[in-house]
Amino acid sequence: MGFTRTYRIFQKRIENAANLEDLNSALAEITRLIGCDYYALGHHVDWSEERNKALRLCNYPQSWVRFYDDNHLGSRDPVHRAVGRTREAFLWSEAGQYIEFSRTDHRLMELAQRHGLGEGFTVPAHMPGEIQASCSFAAVPGRKLDEDGLILARLIADDALKAARRLIGYREFIEQMRSAPLTRRQRECLAWVAAGKTDWEIGQILGIREGSVRRHISGACARLGAVRRPQAVFLACRGGAISYHEVRCAR
């Protein structure tokens, strides 16, 4: 079967997935086809705390999944940190091109190998206003990844990520990924802060008192763990509490 035909077949299968179970099944078959053993598609969150608010489909060794979650590695994973620095797909062995590896990072990669994960290939997903995500394929230690298989993995990963968003439902997807549960007023005020408006101007726009604006912004800062307003805007956008679309529309 030719490369293009193979891709089209799996692309159609992913597009026609009726639920996450169908997508899981398709990813498992694709993983075997490209010469890999494992796959993982999902958001980069601390799964010990956010498992009900984000997406994860994977068949990684259960011993590694338990270790990963029990030790809150979602936010410290060097591969995830590398994803935050690039839009290009990369081999795990090349993640050091995007971030500076610490001893802890090297130790973590060694532990992953002990649990059965060797070389891997990750495709980043950066959607404005949404939590960072990626799709990865990996092999057991000692197995070399096939170059042609990686090309197919790159194409399939994009389709799989799109399908996951569709299956969750776009609006529900956005709501599930909001890292901080800000109120509607808090989100509105932060969006106008990002647009450069003063408290008085925001009050006039929203029809509320200037003191109320300050109170909503202070509340948002507290929920986000921000010390200053620019930091609150940054954290809200990065975590999906407000979207870039909301900021743009507020200008």
C-alpha atoms as a PDB file:
ATOM      1  CA  MET A   1       0.000   0.000   0.000  1.00  0.00           C
ATOM      2  CA  GLY A   2       1.460   3.380  -1.023  1.00  0.00           C
ATOM      3  CA  PHE A   3       2.230   6.164   1.438  1.00  0.00           C
ATOM      4  CA  THR A   4      -0.454   8.533   0.155  1.00  0.00           C
ATOM      5  CA  ARG A   5      -3.119   5.853   0.093  1.00  0.00           C
ATOM      6  CA  THR A   6      -2.222   4.725   3.611  1.00  0.00           C
ATOM      7  CA  TYR A   7      -2.488   8.271   4.896  1.00  0.00           C
ATOM      8  CA  ARG A   8      -5.824   8.859   3.175  1.00  0.00           C
ATOM      9  CA  ILE A   9      -7.287   5.683   4.641  1.00  0.00           C
ATOM     10  CA  PHE A  10      -6.339   6.591   8.193  1.00  0.00           C
ATOM     11  CA  GLN A  11      -7.223  10.245   7.696  1.00  0.00           C
ATOM     12  CA  LYS A  12     -10.743   9.207   6.699  1.00  0.00           C
ATOM     13  CA  ARG A  13     -10.952   6.786   9.606  1.00  0.00           C
ATOM     14  CA  ILE A  14      -9.989   9.507  12.061  1.00  0.00           C
ATOM     15  CA  GLU A  15     -12.372  12.007  10.486  1.00  0.00           C
ATOM     16  CA  ASN A  16     -15.205   9.478  10.779  1.00  0.00           C
ATOM     17  CA  ALA A  17     -14.461   8.596  14.413  1.00  0.00           C
ATOM     18  CA  ALA A  18     -17.784   8.747  16.251  1.00  0.00           C
ATOM     19  CA  ASN A  19     -16.265   8.875  19.739  1.00  0.00           C
ATOM     20  CA  LEU A  20     -12.966   8.884  21.617  1.00  0.00           C
ATOM     21  CA  GLU A  21     -12.931   5.078  21.676  1.00  0.00           C
ATOM     22  CA  ASP A  22     -12.883   5.046  17.861  1.00  0.00           C
ATOM     23  CA  LEU A  23     -10.049   7.577  17.868  1.00  0.00           C
ATOM     24  CA  ASN A  24      -8.144   5.506  20.426  1.00  0.00           C
ATOM     25  CA  SER A  25      -8.506   2.423  18.256  1.00  0.00           C
ATOM     26  CA  ALA A  26      -7.316   4.270  15.149  1.00  0.00           C
ATOM     27  CA  LEU A  27      -4.276   5.654  16.975  1.00  0.00           C
ATOM     28  CA  ALA A  28      -3.361   2.192  18.238  1.00  0.00           C
ATOM     29  CA  GLU A  29      -3.423   0.757  14.711  1.00  0.00           C
ATOM     30  CA  ILE A  30      -1.506   3.698  13.237  1.00  0.00           C
ATOM     31  CA  THR A  31       1.120   3.347  15.951  1.00  0.00           C
ATOM     32  CA  ARG A  32       1.788  -0.249  14.945  1.00  0.00           C
ATOM     33  CA  LEU A  33       1.821   0.659  11.254  1.00  0.00           C
ATOM     34  CA  ILE A  34       4.546   3.309  11.637  1.00  0.00           C
ATOM     35  CA  GLY A  35       6.760   0.960  13.619  1.00  0.00           C
ATOM     36  CA  CYS A  36       6.104   2.383  17.080  1.00  0.00           C
ATOM     37  CA  ASP A  37       4.739   0.785  20.223  1.00  0.00           C
ATOM     38  CA  TYR A  38       3.099   3.630  22.114  1.00  0.00           C
ATOM     39  CA  TYR A  39       1.100   6.798  21.534  1.00  0.00           C
ATOM     40  CA  ALA A  40      -0.140   9.666  23.680  1.00  0.00           C
ATOM     41  CA  LEU A  41      -2.451  12.491  22.687  1.00  0.00           C
ATOM     42  CA  GLY A  42      -3.527  15.078  25.203  1.00  0.00           C
ATOM     43  CA  HIS A  43      -3.179  18.295  27.152  1.00  0.00           C
ATOM     44  CA  HIS A  44      -0.146  19.182  29.219  1.00  0.00           C
ATOM     45  CA  VAL A  45      -1.596  19.349  32.710  1.00  0.00           C
ATOM     46  CA  ASP A  46      -0.974  17.860  36.127  1.00  0.00           C
ATOM     47  CA  TRP A  47      -3.126  14.753  35.779  1.00  0.00           C
ATOM     48  CA  SER A  48      -3.270  14.191  39.512  1.00  0.00           C
ATOM     49  CA  GLU A  49      -5.403  17.354  39.689  1.00  0.00           C
ATOM     50  CA  GLU A  50      -6.864  18.005  36.224  1.00  0.00           C
ATOM     51  CA  ARG A  51      -7.941  14.571  34.983  1.00  0.00           C
ATOM     52  CA  ASN A  52     -11.585  15.685  34.754  1.00  0.00           C
ATOM     53  CA  LYS A  53     -10.812  18.891  32.873  1.00  0.00           C
ATOM     54  CA  ALA A  54      -8.552  17.773  30.054  1.00  0.00           C
ATOM     55  CA  LEU A  55      -8.007  15.148  27.387  1.00  0.00           C
ATOM     56  CA  ARG A  56      -5.597  12.228  27.372  1.00  0.00           C
ATOM     57  CA  LEU A  57      -5.571   9.199  25.104  1.00  0.00           C
ATOM     58  CA  CYS A  58      -2.546   6.934  25.507  1.00  0.00           C
ATOM     59  CA  ASN A  59      -1.345   3.365  25.762  1.00  0.00           C
ATOM     60  CA  TYR A  60       1.895   4.054  27.641  1.00  0.00           C
ATOM     61  CA  PRO A  61       2.995   1.361  30.122  1.00  0.00           C
ATOM     62  CA  GLN A  62       0.704   1.575  33.139  1.00  0.00           C
ATOM     63  CA  SER A  63       3.662   1.574  35.523  1.00  0.00           C
ATOM     64  CA  TRP A  64       4.918   4.759  33.858  1.00  0.00           C
ATOM     65  CA  VAL A  65       1.487   6.395  33.822  1.00  0.00           C
ATOM     66  CA  ARG A  66       1.080   5.772  37.553  1.00  0.00           C
ATOM     67  CA  PHE A  67       4.579   7.049  38.326  1.00  0.00           C
ATOM     68  CA  TYR A  68       4.022  10.089  36.095  1.00  0.00           C
ATOM     69  CA  ASP A  69       0.737  11.037  37.736  1.00  0.00           C
ATOM     70  CA  ASP A  70       1.753  10.231  41.307  1.00  0.00           C
ATOM     71  CA  ASN A  71       4.801  12.494  40.984  1.00  0.00           C
ATOM     72  CA  HIS A  72       2.953  15.382  39.289  1.00  0.00           C
ATOM     73  CA  LEU A  73       5.213  15.314  36.233  1.00  0.00           C
ATOM     74  CA  GLY A  74       2.742  16.895  33.816  1.00  0.00           C
ATOM     75  CA  SER A  75       4.106  20.392  34.329  1.00  0.00           C
ATOM     76  CA  ARG A  76       7.761  19.299  34.625  1.00  0.00           C
ATOM     77  CA  ASP A  77       8.020  16.900  31.703  1.00  0.00           C
ATOM     78  CA  PRO A  78      10.993  18.076  29.559  1.00  0.00           C
ATOM     79  CA  VAL A  79       9.209  16.986  26.377  1.00  0.00           C
ATOM     80  CA  HIS A  80       6.215  19.127  27.329  1.00  0.00           C
ATOM     81  CA  ARG A  81       8.500  22.056  28.090  1.00  0.00           C
ATOM     82  CA  ALA A  82      10.150  21.660  24.694  1.00  0.00           C
ATOM     83  CA  VAL A  83       6.705  21.732  23.070  1.00  0.00           C
ATOM     84  CA  GLY A  84       6.249  25.160  24.630  1.00  0.00           C
ATOM     85  CA  ARG A  85       9.289  26.406  22.709  1.00  0.00           C
ATOM     86  CA  THR A  86       8.513  25.178  19.199  1.00  0.00           C
ATOM     87  CA  ARG A  87       5.783  24.481  16.692  1.00  0.00           C
ATOM     88  CA  GLU A  88       7.910  21.911  14.881  1.00  0.00           C
ATOM     89  CA  ALA A  89       7.722  18.172  15.519  1.00  0.00           C
ATOM     90  CA  PHE A  90      10.832  16.746  17.179  1.00  0.00           C
ATOM     91  CA  LEU A  91      12.471  13.573  18.429  1.00  0.00           C
ATOM     92  CA  TRP A  92      12.729  13.278  22.189  1.00  0.00           C
ATOM     93  CA  SER A  93      16.490  12.921  21.862  1.00  0.00           C
ATOM     94  CA  GLU A  94      16.503  16.384  20.241  1.00  0.00           C
ATOM     95  CA  ALA A  95      14.419  18.139  22.909  1.00  0.00           C
ATOM     96  CA  GLY A  96      17.638  19.652  24.243  1.00  0.00           C
ATOM     97  CA  GLN A  97      17.679  21.928  21.195  1.00  0.00           C
ATOM     98  CA  TYR A  98      14.698  23.789  22.634  1.00  0.00           C
ATOM     99  CA  ILE A  99      15.275  23.701  26.392  1.00  0.00           C
ATOM    100  CA  GLU A 100      18.268  23.373  28.684  1.00  0.00           C
ATOM    101  CA  PHE A 101      18.239  19.886  30.158  1.00  0.00           C
ATOM    102  CA  SER A 102      18.838  19.666  33.894  1.00  0.00           C
ATOM    103  CA  ARG A 103      20.028  16.626  35.810  1.00  0.00           C
ATOM    104  CA  THR A 104      16.424  16.044  36.798  1.00  0.00           C
ATOM    105  CA  ASP A 105      15.377  16.070  33.135  1.00  0.00           C
ATOM    106  CA  HIS A 106      18.031  13.514  32.213  1.00  0.00           C
ATOM    107  CA  ARG A 107      17.009  11.399  35.186  1.00  0.00           C
ATOM    108  CA  LEU A 108      13.365  11.562  34.128  1.00  0.00           C
ATOM    109  CA  MET A 109      14.157  10.379  30.601  1.00  0.00           C
ATOM    110  CA  GLU A 110      16.212   7.521  32.048  1.00  0.00           C
ATOM    111  CA  LEU A 111      13.301   6.516  34.260  1.00  0.00           C
ATOM    112  CA  ALA A 112      10.967   6.563  31.254  1.00  0.00           C
ATOM    113  CA  GLN A 113      13.279   4.087  29.528  1.00  0.00           C
ATOM    114  CA  ARG A 114      13.245   1.811  32.560  1.00  0.00           C
ATOM    115  CA  HIS A 115       9.465   1.786  32.345  1.00  0.00           C
ATOM    116  CA  GLY A 116       9.594   0.803  28.661  1.00  0.00           C
ATOM    117  CA  LEU A 117       9.644   4.089  26.720  1.00  0.00           C
ATOM    118  CA  GLY A 118      12.599   4.566  24.387  1.00  0.00           C
ATOM    119  CA  GLU A 119      12.890   7.137  21.609  1.00  0.00           C
ATOM    120  CA  GLY A 120       9.804   9.184  20.867  1.00  0.00           C
ATOM    121  CA  PHE A 121       8.471  11.706  18.381  1.00  0.00           C
ATOM    122  CA  THR A 122       6.216  14.584  19.435  1.00  0.00           C
ATOM    123  CA  VAL A 123       4.001  16.891  17.380  1.00  0.00           C
ATOM    124  CA  PRO A 124       3.120  20.123  19.256  1.00  0.00           C
ATOM    125  CA  ALA A 125      -0.351  21.653  19.194  1.00  0.00           C
ATOM    126  CA  HIS A 126      -0.680  25.357  19.962  1.00  0.00           C
ATOM    127  CA  MET A 127      -4.241  26.672  19.778  1.00  0.00           C
ATOM    128  CA  PRO A 128      -4.902  30.280  20.868  1.00  0.00           C
ATOM    129  CA  GLY A 129      -6.710  30.373  24.188  1.00  0.00           C
ATOM    130  CA  GLU A 130      -6.319  26.659  24.821  1.00  0.00           C
ATOM    131  CA  ILE A 131      -4.036  24.644  27.047  1.00  0.00           C
ATOM    132  CA  GLN A 132      -0.889  23.366  25.347  1.00  0.00           C
ATOM    133  CA  ALA A 133      -1.254  19.894  23.848  1.00  0.00           C
ATOM    134  CA  SER A 134       0.650  17.394  21.738  1.00  0.00           C
ATOM    135  CA  CYS A 135       0.527  14.011  20.054  1.00  0.00           C
ATOM    136  CA  SER A 136       3.454  11.646  20.585  1.00  0.00           C
ATOM    137  CA  PHE A 137       4.549   8.263  19.292  1.00  0.00           C
ATOM    138  CA  ALA A 138       7.247   6.189  20.981  1.00  0.00           C
ATOM    139  CA  ALA A 139       9.072   2.885  20.681  1.00  0.00           C
ATOM    140  CA  VAL A 140      10.467   0.465  23.219  1.00  0.00           C
ATOM    141  CA  PRO A 141      14.107   1.076  24.199  1.00  0.00           C
ATOM    142  CA  GLY A 142      16.533   0.016  21.483  1.00  0.00           C
ATOM    143  CA  ARG A 143      14.102   0.289  18.570  1.00  0.00           C
ATOM    144  CA  LYS A 144      14.988   2.883  15.947  1.00  0.00           C
ATOM    145  CA  LEU A 145      12.144   5.008  14.625  1.00  0.00           C
ATOM    146  CA  ASP A 146      11.437   4.699  10.903  1.00  0.00           C
ATOM    147  CA  GLU A 147      11.869   7.987   9.007  1.00  0.00           C
ATOM    148  CA  ASP A 148       8.970   7.315   6.634  1.00  0.00           C
ATOM    149  CA  GLY A 149       6.847   6.362   9.610  1.00  0.00           C
ATOM    150  CA  LEU A 150       7.621   9.700  11.260  1.00  0.00           C
ATOM    151  CA  ILE A 151       6.391  11.581   8.200  1.00  0.00           C
ATOM    152  CA  LEU A 152       3.094   9.720   8.434  1.00  0.00           C
ATOM    153  CA  ALA A 153       3.013  10.297  12.203  1.00  0.00           C
ATOM    154  CA  ARG A 154       3.388  14.047  11.644  1.00  0.00           C
ATOM    155  CA  LEU A 155       0.405  14.147   9.300  1.00  0.00           C
ATOM    156  CA  ILE A 156      -1.769  11.825  11.363  1.00  0.00           C
ATOM    157  CA  ALA A 157      -1.058  13.725  14.593  1.00  0.00           C
ATOM    158  CA  ASP A 158      -2.614  16.907  13.216  1.00  0.00           C
ATOM    159  CA  ASP A 159      -5.712  15.013  12.111  1.00  0.00           C
ATOM    160  CA  ALA A 160      -5.980  13.216  15.457  1.00  0.00           C
ATOM    161  CA  LEU A 161      -5.751  16.465  17.418  1.00  0.00           C
ATOM    162  CA  LYS A 162      -8.443  18.035  15.248  1.00  0.00           C
ATOM    163  CA  ALA A 163     -10.648  14.985  15.714  1.00  0.00           C
ATOM    164  CA  ALA A 164     -10.207  15.103  19.490  1.00  0.00           C
ATOM    165  CA  ARG A 165     -11.350  18.724  19.551  1.00  0.00           C
ATOM    166  CA  ARG A 166     -14.348  17.839  17.392  1.00  0.00           C
ATOM    167  CA  LEU A 167     -15.340  14.859  19.525  1.00  0.00           C
ATOM    168  CA  ILE A 168     -15.200  16.821  22.743  1.00  0.00           C
ATOM    169  CA  GLY A 169     -17.103  19.688  21.140  1.00  0.00           C
ATOM    170  CA  TYR A 170     -15.412  23.036  20.522  1.00  0.00           C
ATOM    171  CA  ARG A 171     -17.218  25.061  23.174  1.00  0.00           C
ATOM    172  CA  GLU A 172     -17.025  22.281  25.760  1.00  0.00           C
ATOM    173  CA  PHE A 173     -13.371  21.804  24.829  1.00  0.00           C
ATOM    174  CA  ILE A 174     -12.628  25.446  25.624  1.00  0.00           C
ATOM    175  CA  GLU A 175     -14.537  25.349  28.901  1.00  0.00           C
ATOM    176  CA  GLN A 176     -12.912  22.107  30.050  1.00  0.00           C
ATOM    177  CA  MET A 177      -9.459  23.532  29.499  1.00  0.00           C
ATOM    178  CA  ARG A 178      -9.864  26.772  31.389  1.00  0.00           C
ATOM    179  CA  SER A 179      -7.148  26.381  34.005  1.00  0.00           C
ATOM    180  CA  ALA A 180      -8.622  28.930  36.417  1.00  0.00           C
ATOM    181  CA  PRO A 181     -12.409  29.173  36.967  1.00  0.00           C
ATOM    182  CA  LEU A 182     -12.744  32.924  36.491  1.00  0.00           C
ATOM    183  CA  THR A 183     -16.166  34.520  36.565  1.00  0.00           C
ATOM    184  CA  ARG A 184     -17.592  36.107  33.434  1.00  0.00           C
ATOM    185  CA  ARG A 185     -16.920  39.606  34.793  1.00  0.00           C
ATOM    186  CA  GLN A 186     -13.347  38.711  35.731  1.00  0.00           C
ATOM    187  CA  ARG A 187     -12.694  37.441  32.207  1.00  0.00           C
ATOM    188  CA  GLU A 188     -14.287  40.529  30.651  1.00  0.00           C
ATOM    189  CA  CYS A 189     -12.257  42.900  32.813  1.00  0.00           C
ATOM    190  CA  LEU A 190      -8.986  41.093  32.079  1.00  0.00           C
ATOM    191  CA  ALA A 191      -9.716  41.139  28.350  1.00  0.00           C
ATOM    192  CA  TRP A 192     -10.173  44.919  28.478  1.00  0.00           C
ATOM    193  CA  VAL A 193      -7.019  45.286  30.599  1.00  0.00           C
ATOM    194  CA  ALA A 194      -5.173  43.412  27.857  1.00  0.00           C
ATOM    195  CA  ALA A 195      -6.635  45.884  25.359  1.00  0.00           C
ATOM    196  CA  GLY A 196      -5.058  48.759  27.307  1.00  0.00           C
ATOM    197  CA  LYS A 197      -8.184  50.205  28.915  1.00  0.00           C
ATOM    198  CA  THR A 198      -8.157  51.959  32.294  1.00  0.00           C
ATOM    199  CA  ASP A 199     -10.413  50.911  35.162  1.00  0.00           C
ATOM    200  CA  TRP A 200     -12.662  53.905  34.474  1.00  0.00           C
ATOM    201  CA  GLU A 201     -12.924  53.032  30.764  1.00  0.00           C
ATOM    202  CA  ILE A 202     -13.678  49.389  31.548  1.00  0.00           C
ATOM    203  CA  GLY A 203     -16.401  50.485  33.947  1.00  0.00           C
ATOM    204  CA  GLN A 204     -17.976  52.663  31.265  1.00  0.00           C
ATOM    205  CA  ILE A 205     -17.832  49.860  28.698  1.00  0.00           C
ATOM    206  CA  LEU A 206     -19.310  47.219  31.010  1.00  0.00           C
ATOM    207  CA  GLY A 207     -21.708  49.541  32.807  1.00  0.00           C
ATOM    208  CA  ILE A 208     -20.271  48.923  36.269  1.00  0.00           C
ATOM    209  CA  ARG A 209     -18.493  51.073  38.843  1.00  0.00           C
ATOM    210  CA  GLU A 210     -14.757  51.673  38.712  1.00  0.00           C
ATOM    211  CA  GLY A 211     -14.419  50.112  42.164  1.00  0.00           C
ATOM    212  CA  SER A 212     -16.194  46.994  40.910  1.00  0.00           C
ATOM    213  CA  VAL A 213     -13.718  46.761  38.046  1.00  0.00           C
ATOM    214  CA  ARG A 214     -10.808  46.862  40.479  1.00  0.00           C
ATOM    215  CA  ARG A 215     -12.494  44.216  42.627  1.00  0.00           C
ATOM    216  CA  HIS A 216     -13.045  41.877  39.664  1.00  0.00           C
ATOM    217  CA  ILE A 217      -9.443  42.276  38.509  1.00  0.00           C
ATOM    218  CA  SER A 218      -8.102  41.708  42.024  1.00  0.00           C
ATOM    219  CA  GLY A 219     -10.221  38.572  42.272  1.00  0.00           C
ATOM    220  CA  ALA A 220      -8.881  37.325  38.954  1.00  0.00           C
ATOM    221  CA  CYS A 221      -5.302  37.958  40.079  1.00  0.00           C
ATOM    222  CA  ALA A 222      -5.927  35.994  43.268  1.00  0.00           C
ATOM    223  CA  ARG A 223      -7.403  33.019  41.410  1.00  0.00           C
ATOM    224  CA  LEU A 224      -4.562  33.001  38.897  1.00  0.00           C
ATOM    225  CA  GLY A 225      -1.858  33.480  41.504  1.00  0.00           C
ATOM    226  CA  ALA A 226      -0.702  36.672  39.796  1.00  0.00           C
ATOM    227  CA  VAL A 227       1.014  39.562  41.566  1.00  0.00           C
ATOM    228  CA  ARG A 228       0.425  42.191  38.869  1.00  0.00           C
ATOM    229  CA  ARG A 229      -2.098  42.733  36.101  1.00  0.00           C
ATOM    230  CA  PRO A 230       0.219  41.968  33.156  1.00  0.00           C
ATOM    231  CA  GLN A 231       1.052  38.652  34.790  1.00  0.00           C
ATOM    232  CA  ALA A 232      -2.662  37.923  35.271  1.00  0.00           C
ATOM    233  CA  VAL A 233      -3.362  38.592  31.589  1.00  0.00           C
ATOM    234  CA  PHE A 234      -0.469  36.361  30.556  1.00  0.00           C
ATOM    235  CA  LEU A 235      -1.528  33.501  32.837  1.00  0.00           C
ATOM    236  CA  ALA A 236      -5.169  33.806  31.785  1.00  0.00           C
ATOM    237  CA  CYS A 237      -4.287  33.638  28.084  1.00  0.00           C
ATOM    238  CA  ARG A 238      -1.768  30.840  28.508  1.00  0.00           C
ATOM    239  CA  GLY A 239      -4.138  28.726  30.554  1.00  0.00           C
ATOM    240  CA  GLY A 240      -7.220  29.419  28.464  1.00  0.00           C
ATOM    241  CA  ALA A 241      -9.098  31.404  31.122  1.00  0.00           C
ATOM    242  CA  ILE A 242      -9.477  34.045  28.405  1.00  0.00           C
ATOM    243  CA  SER A 243      -8.834  33.478  24.721  1.00  0.00           C
ATOM    244  CA  TYR A 244      -6.818  35.556  22.300  1.00  0.00           C
ATOM    245  CA  HIS A 245     -10.064  36.002  20.384  1.00  0.00           C
ATOM    246  CA  GLU A 246     -11.654  37.662  23.431  1.00  0.00           C
ATOM    247  CA  VAL A 247      -8.680  39.996  23.785  1.00  0.00           C
ATOM    248  CA  ARG A 248      -8.751  40.876  20.100  1.00  0.00           C
ATOM    249  CA  CYS A 249     -12.494  41.575  20.152  1.00  0.00           C
ATOM    250  CA  ALA A 250     -12.063  43.864  23.156  1.00  0.00           C
ATOM    251  CA  ARG A 251      -9.781  46.239  21.273  1.00  0.00           C
END
